[in-house]
Amino acid sequence: MTLVHNIVGPPTAARVMLLVHGFGADERDLGGLLSYLDPEGRFLTVLPRGPVAAPPGFAWFDLAGDATDATWASSLDALDDLLDEVCAANGKDRAEAIVGGFSQGGGLAVALGLRRSPRPHPLGVLAMSPIAPDGIDYDWEAAAAVPVLVQHGTDDPLVPVARGRALARSLLEHGVPLVYQEYPMGHAVALESVQAAKAWLDQVVAGERPSEPMPEEPPEPLVKPVTTAAFEAEVLRAEQPVIVDFWAPWCQPCRAVSPVVEQIAAMRQGSYKVVKVNIDEEPAIAQRFEVQSIPMIGLFRDGRLERAALGAKPRQALEAELGMLVIP
């Protein structure tokens, strides 16, 4: 398979960097990061396009697949070949290359950098919000010499942060020099995360193998924010009844009732799940359940909105309006 790709960087660049885009993007997507990642022009950066149509862009493999999926395997091999070709054509050492990517591309970068292969392993791996399927045949002995940076958003609705943590823990357990970082973002990159990636790149290029202990997991909030992507699983298919606080940042009564909702969450643990939905960020949910006035506190049971209470109220009044047994 021959991949459509762009190559960006000066002919004086010392080494190659392969950056692989995510689902629904294209070869231009990660090019915008280069002014932050490589302002000095140290890299000849290869920006390939996925072979699978995924409007409005392209993809590398079926999101439901694993490392045995034919599309995953062929995309991985095509990227491996492309890295070889670009290094050979430009007189660059493949062992000095950086491989990186976002989402699907991040998972492919991890596999490309650490899998069992007769080809030289790269200098380092940058994985941003990676989707790393099960079943990758890692070469753990060689991987112990390849530093990896994994970055993930704590609010990622598409690739839960737990997957990023699990990948990072697995790499650490096998002796991979790893830095794992989390940021308050969704399925995206942020300026802070790109700046941290630049600092990590500086260390790797200088011959270091940065490694840090895993950061402690933040405690689960009493009232978990829920997005449109997660609403079905978190609310409609929940086994417990779910109380949903529909709110918006500009709503003063919402701020007044928020501590009351948190109090209910603390007192009803084990009996009710309590979540919140920002209707400004999730208008599709608000439209679906005809949320026309906020704060609206809804009680969902067995996949349907059973009761709703409008306005800021004391806890006992709110519980009574939702049909809950009032706790003194």
Protein backbone atom coordinates (compact mmCIF):
# COMPACT_ATOMS: atom_id res chain seq x y z
CA MET A 1 0.00 0.00 0.00
CA THR A 2 1.33 3.45 -0.93
CA LEU A 3 0.21 6.20 1.42
CA VAL A 4 -0.57 9.76 0.35
CA HIS A 5 1.66 11.98 2.48
CA ASN A 6 3.25 15.39 2.91
CA ILE A 7 6.82 16.04 4.02
CA VAL A 8 7.52 19.28 5.88
CA GLY A 9 10.87 20.61 7.06
CA PRO A 10 14.22 21.95 5.88
CA PRO A 11 16.75 19.73 4.06
CA THR A 12 19.15 20.46 6.93
CA ALA A 13 16.88 18.63 9.42
CA ALA A 14 18.84 16.08 11.44
CA ARG A 15 16.16 13.41 11.75
CA VAL A 16 12.68 12.31 10.68
CA MET A 17 9.43 12.65 12.63
CA LEU A 18 6.34 10.68 11.58
CA LEU A 19 3.03 12.18 12.79
CA VAL A 20 -0.10 10.08 12.22
CA HIS A 21 -3.55 11.70 12.32
CA GLY A 22 -6.68 10.41 14.03
CA PHE A 23 -10.10 9.22 12.86
CA GLY A 24 -11.87 11.54 10.41
CA ALA A 25 -8.84 13.78 9.78
CA ASP A 26 -6.23 13.87 7.03
CA GLU A 27 -2.54 14.50 6.33
CA ARG A 28 -2.90 18.22 7.07
CA ASP A 29 -4.35 17.77 10.54
CA LEU A 30 -1.22 17.54 12.71
CA GLY A 31 0.84 19.91 10.60
CA GLY A 32 -0.47 22.78 12.71
CA LEU A 33 1.41 21.41 15.74
CA LEU A 34 4.83 21.78 14.13
CA SER A 35 5.29 25.45 14.98
CA TYR A 36 5.07 24.36 18.64
CA LEU A 37 6.72 20.93 18.48
CA ASP A 38 9.56 21.86 16.14
CA PRO A 39 10.06 25.63 15.86
CA GLU A 40 13.79 25.08 15.21
CA GLY A 41 13.20 22.88 12.14
CA ARG A 42 15.13 19.93 13.60
CA PHE A 43 12.84 17.36 11.98
CA LEU A 44 11.84 16.35 8.49
CA THR A 45 8.20 15.65 9.38
CA VAL A 46 6.15 13.07 7.47
CA LEU A 47 2.37 13.59 7.54
CA PRO A 48 0.56 10.59 5.99
CA ARG A 49 -3.12 10.13 5.13
CA GLY A 50 -5.13 7.13 6.34
CA PRO A 51 -6.28 4.71 3.62
CA VAL A 52 -9.90 4.36 4.83
CA ALA A 53 -12.55 6.97 3.94
CA ALA A 54 -14.13 8.43 7.10
CA PRO A 55 -15.89 11.66 6.08
CA PRO A 56 -14.99 14.45 6.43
CA GLY A 57 -11.52 12.83 6.39
CA PHE A 58 -9.85 9.45 6.62
CA ALA A 59 -9.09 6.69 9.09
CA TRP A 60 -6.54 3.94 9.62
CA PHE A 61 -8.72 1.08 10.87
CA ASP A 62 -12.16 0.10 12.13
CA LEU A 63 -12.68 1.56 15.60
CA ALA A 64 -14.18 -1.73 16.78
CA GLY A 65 -11.21 -3.81 15.60
CA ASP A 66 -8.14 -5.11 17.40
CA ALA A 67 -4.55 -5.77 16.36
CA THR A 68 -5.64 -8.86 14.40
CA ASP A 69 -7.84 -6.70 12.14
CA ALA A 70 -6.58 -6.74 8.54
CA THR A 71 -6.99 -2.96 8.10
CA TRP A 72 -5.04 -2.26 11.29
CA ALA A 73 -2.24 -4.59 10.24
CA SER A 74 -2.00 -3.23 6.69
CA SER A 75 -2.00 0.38 7.90
CA LEU A 76 0.73 -0.39 10.42
CA ASP A 77 2.87 -2.09 7.78
CA ALA A 78 2.30 0.78 5.33
CA LEU A 79 3.46 3.32 7.94
CA ASP A 80 6.50 1.14 8.68
CA ASP A 81 7.36 1.06 4.97
CA LEU A 82 6.81 4.81 4.61
CA LEU A 83 9.18 5.53 7.50
CA ASP A 84 11.83 3.34 5.88
CA GLU A 85 11.36 5.01 2.49
CA VAL A 86 11.55 8.59 3.77
CA CYS A 87 14.61 7.88 5.91
CA ALA A 88 16.41 6.16 3.02
CA ALA A 89 15.48 8.81 0.45
CA ASN A 90 16.72 11.63 2.67
CA GLY A 91 19.76 9.96 4.18
CA LYS A 92 18.33 9.87 7.71
CA ASP A 93 18.85 7.21 10.36
CA ARG A 94 15.59 5.41 11.15
CA ALA A 95 16.86 4.70 14.66
CA GLU A 96 16.97 8.48 15.22
CA ALA A 97 13.35 9.02 14.11
CA ILE A 98 10.43 10.04 16.33
CA VAL A 99 7.05 8.42 15.68
CA GLY A 100 3.92 10.04 17.02
CA GLY A 101 0.25 10.47 16.48
CA PHE A 102 -3.17 11.38 17.82
CA SER A 103 -6.05 8.99 18.60
CA GLN A 104 -5.86 6.16 16.04
CA GLY A 105 -2.50 7.60 15.00
CA GLY A 106 -1.29 7.54 18.61
CA GLY A 107 -2.08 3.84 18.92
CA LEU A 108 -0.32 3.12 15.63
CA ALA A 109 2.71 5.11 16.80
CA VAL A 110 2.94 3.00 19.97
CA ALA A 111 2.71 -0.22 17.94
CA LEU A 112 5.17 1.02 15.30
CA GLY A 113 7.66 2.03 17.94
CA LEU A 114 7.45 -0.94 20.27
CA ARG A 115 6.24 -3.97 18.30
CA ARG A 116 8.37 -7.00 17.57
CA SER A 117 10.08 -6.27 14.23
CA PRO A 118 13.41 -6.82 12.45
CA ARG A 119 13.47 -3.09 11.60
CA PRO A 120 15.24 -0.56 13.86
CA HIS A 121 13.10 0.84 16.66
CA PRO A 122 12.72 4.64 16.71
CA LEU A 123 14.33 7.12 19.09
CA GLY A 124 11.02 7.83 20.84
CA VAL A 125 7.22 7.57 20.67
CA LEU A 126 4.72 10.41 21.18
CA ALA A 127 1.15 9.14 21.76
CA MET A 128 -1.62 11.74 22.13
CA SER A 129 -4.98 10.33 23.32
CA PRO A 130 -4.01 6.98 21.78
CA ILE A 131 -6.37 4.21 20.71
CA ALA A 132 -4.09 1.20 21.17
CA PRO A 133 -6.00 -2.01 20.35
CA ASP A 134 -5.49 -5.26 22.22
CA GLY A 135 -3.25 -7.92 20.76
CA ILE A 136 -0.15 -5.90 19.80
CA ASP A 137 2.96 -8.11 19.88
CA TYR A 138 5.30 -5.84 21.82
CA ASP A 139 9.06 -6.44 21.89
CA TRP A 140 9.47 -5.63 25.58
CA GLU A 141 13.23 -6.13 25.58
CA ALA A 142 13.76 -3.57 22.83
CA ALA A 143 11.02 -1.31 24.21
CA ALA A 144 13.04 -0.76 27.38
CA ALA A 145 15.30 1.53 25.32
CA VAL A 146 12.50 3.55 23.65
CA PRO A 147 11.11 6.49 25.65
CA VAL A 148 7.35 7.03 25.32
CA LEU A 149 5.18 10.05 26.12
CA VAL A 150 1.46 9.33 26.57
CA GLN A 151 -0.90 12.30 26.92
CA HIS A 152 -4.64 12.08 27.57
CA GLY A 153 -7.61 14.33 28.31
CA THR A 154 -9.43 13.69 31.58
CA ASP A 155 -12.72 14.63 29.87
CA ASP A 156 -12.20 12.56 26.72
CA PRO A 157 -15.65 11.23 25.68
CA LEU A 158 -14.33 9.04 22.83
CA VAL A 159 -11.30 7.35 24.37
CA PRO A 160 -11.87 7.25 28.15
CA VAL A 161 -8.92 8.40 30.20
CA ALA A 162 -8.94 4.99 31.90
CA ARG A 163 -7.65 3.50 28.62
CA GLY A 164 -4.75 5.93 28.55
CA ARG A 165 -3.88 5.09 32.15
CA ALA A 166 -4.10 1.36 31.47
CA LEU A 167 -1.73 1.64 28.50
CA ALA A 168 0.71 3.72 30.53
CA ARG A 169 0.66 1.31 33.46
CA SER A 170 1.31 -1.63 31.14
CA LEU A 171 4.29 0.12 29.55
CA LEU A 172 5.73 1.02 32.94
CA GLU A 173 5.30 -2.53 34.22
CA HIS A 174 7.37 -3.78 31.27
CA GLY A 175 10.22 -1.35 31.90
CA VAL A 176 9.47 1.17 29.15
CA PRO A 177 10.83 4.68 29.98
CA LEU A 178 7.48 6.45 30.18
CA VAL A 179 6.07 9.87 30.93
CA TYR A 180 2.28 9.94 31.34
CA GLN A 181 0.43 13.27 31.43
CA GLU A 182 -3.24 14.23 31.81
CA TYR A 183 -4.92 17.51 30.94
CA PRO A 184 -8.44 18.90 31.53
CA MET A 185 -9.49 18.48 27.90
CA GLY A 186 -11.62 16.22 25.73
CA HIS A 187 -10.47 14.21 22.71
CA ALA A 188 -8.05 16.90 21.64
CA VAL A 189 -4.67 18.48 22.15
CA ALA A 190 -4.16 21.66 24.16
CA LEU A 191 -1.43 24.29 24.09
CA GLU A 192 -0.16 23.09 27.46
CA SER A 193 0.06 19.48 26.28
CA VAL A 194 1.90 20.44 23.07
CA GLN A 195 4.36 22.56 25.05
CA ALA A 196 5.00 19.59 27.36
CA ALA A 197 5.53 17.37 24.30
CA LYS A 198 8.11 19.84 22.98
CA ALA A 199 9.99 19.70 26.31
CA TRP A 200 9.91 15.88 26.19
CA LEU A 201 11.21 15.92 22.60
CA ASP A 202 14.10 18.16 23.67
CA GLN A 203 15.11 15.61 26.30
CA VAL A 204 14.86 12.64 23.93
CA VAL A 205 16.84 14.37 21.17
CA ALA A 206 19.49 15.19 23.79
CA GLY A 207 19.90 11.45 24.41
CA GLU A 208 17.81 11.19 27.58
CA ARG A 209 15.15 8.59 28.35
CA PRO A 210 12.65 10.50 30.47
CA SER A 211 10.63 8.40 32.90
CA GLU A 212 8.27 9.47 35.66
CA PRO A 213 5.98 7.60 38.11
CA MET A 214 2.31 7.49 37.20
CA PRO A 215 0.43 10.46 38.69
CA GLU A 216 -2.22 9.62 41.26
CA GLU A 217 -5.68 9.27 39.81
CA PRO A 218 -7.93 12.20 40.76
CA PRO A 219 -10.88 11.27 42.96
CA GLU A 220 -14.19 10.73 41.19
CA PRO A 221 -16.39 13.84 41.57
CA LEU A 222 -19.57 13.37 43.57
CA VAL A 223 -21.55 14.63 40.57
CA LYS A 224 -19.93 13.44 37.35
CA PRO A 225 -20.23 15.58 34.18
CA VAL A 226 -21.79 13.61 31.32
CA THR A 227 -21.49 14.38 27.61
CA THR A 228 -23.81 13.50 24.73
CA ALA A 229 -21.48 10.65 23.71
CA ALA A 230 -21.64 9.10 27.19
CA PHE A 231 -25.29 9.84 28.04
CA GLU A 232 -26.66 6.55 26.71
CA ALA A 233 -24.27 4.43 28.78
CA GLU A 234 -24.14 6.60 31.90
CA VAL A 235 -27.84 7.43 32.20
CA LEU A 236 -30.22 5.56 29.91
CA ARG A 237 -28.61 2.13 30.36
CA ALA A 238 -27.69 2.55 34.01
CA GLU A 239 -28.89 -0.17 36.37
CA GLN A 240 -29.56 2.34 39.15
CA PRO A 241 -31.95 5.28 38.97
CA VAL A 242 -30.04 8.37 37.85
CA ILE A 243 -30.50 11.98 38.96
CA VAL A 244 -29.42 14.43 36.26
CA ASP A 245 -28.70 18.08 37.02
CA PHE A 246 -29.28 20.09 33.83
CA TRP A 247 -27.39 23.37 34.26
CA ALA A 248 -25.32 26.10 32.56
CA PRO A 249 -22.42 28.24 33.84
CA TRP A 250 -24.34 31.53 33.45
CA CYS A 251 -27.33 30.30 35.51
CA GLN A 252 -27.29 31.73 39.06
CA PRO A 253 -30.04 29.41 40.42
CA CYS A 254 -28.01 26.48 39.03
CA ARG A 255 -25.10 27.53 41.23
CA ALA A 256 -27.45 27.73 44.21
CA VAL A 257 -28.80 24.21 43.71
CA SER A 258 -25.45 22.61 42.87
CA PRO A 259 -24.43 22.07 46.55
CA VAL A 260 -27.85 20.53 47.19
CA VAL A 261 -27.36 18.07 44.32
CA GLU A 262 -23.91 17.20 45.69
CA GLN A 263 -25.44 16.62 49.12
CA ILE A 264 -27.97 14.22 47.57
CA ALA A 265 -25.14 12.43 45.75
CA ALA A 266 -23.23 11.99 49.03
CA MET A 267 -26.26 10.80 50.99
CA ARG A 268 -27.63 8.49 48.28
CA GLN A 269 -24.44 6.69 47.24
CA GLY A 270 -25.25 3.09 46.33
CA SER A 271 -28.93 3.85 45.70
CA TYR A 272 -28.79 6.57 43.05
CA LYS A 273 -26.26 7.72 40.50
CA VAL A 274 -26.02 11.53 40.27
CA VAL A 275 -24.61 13.30 37.20
CA LYS A 276 -24.80 16.73 35.57
CA VAL A 277 -25.21 17.96 32.00
CA ASN A 278 -24.05 21.39 30.82
CA ILE A 279 -26.79 22.26 28.32
CA ASP A 280 -24.60 24.86 26.58
CA GLU A 281 -22.06 22.15 25.73
CA GLU A 282 -24.62 19.37 25.16
CA PRO A 283 -27.61 21.03 23.43
CA ALA A 284 -28.69 17.75 21.80
CA ILE A 285 -29.51 16.25 25.22
CA ALA A 286 -31.38 19.38 26.29
CA GLN A 287 -33.43 19.30 23.08
CA ARG A 288 -34.14 15.59 23.36
CA PHE A 289 -35.60 15.94 26.86
CA GLU A 290 -37.20 19.37 26.26
CA VAL A 291 -35.12 21.19 28.85
CA GLN A 292 -36.49 24.72 28.45
CA SER A 293 -35.79 26.09 31.92
CA ILE A 294 -32.87 25.48 34.28
CA PRO A 295 -31.95 24.30 36.77
CA MET A 296 -33.92 21.20 35.96
CA ILE A 297 -33.24 18.11 38.06
CA GLY A 298 -34.46 14.95 36.35
CA LEU A 299 -34.90 11.45 37.70
CA PHE A 300 -34.23 8.77 35.07
CA ARG A 301 -35.21 5.18 35.60
CA ASP A 302 -35.04 2.27 33.12
CA GLY A 303 -34.00 4.54 30.26
CA ARG A 304 -36.69 7.20 30.57
CA LEU A 305 -37.18 10.54 32.27
CA GLU A 306 -39.60 9.68 35.08
CA ARG A 307 -39.87 12.97 37.00
CA ALA A 308 -38.38 16.47 36.86
CA ALA A 309 -38.07 19.37 39.32
CA LEU A 310 -37.52 22.96 38.21
CA GLY A 311 -35.70 25.69 40.10
CA ALA A 312 -33.46 25.84 43.16
CA LYS A 313 -35.02 24.12 46.17
CA PRO A 314 -33.93 22.77 49.55
CA ARG A 315 -32.88 19.13 49.51
CA GLN A 316 -36.03 17.74 51.17
CA ALA A 317 -38.31 19.62 48.74
CA LEU A 318 -36.26 18.48 45.77
CA GLU A 319 -36.30 14.83 46.89
CA ALA A 320 -40.04 14.96 47.49
CA GLU A 321 -40.71 16.45 44.05
CA LEU A 322 -38.63 13.68 42.45
CA GLY A 323 -40.63 11.03 44.27
CA MET A 324 -37.73 9.97 46.48
CA LEU A 325 -38.16 8.90 50.08
CA VAL A 326 -37.09 12.05 51.92
CA ILE A 327 -34.14 11.60 54.28
CA PRO A 328 -34.34 13.87 57.36
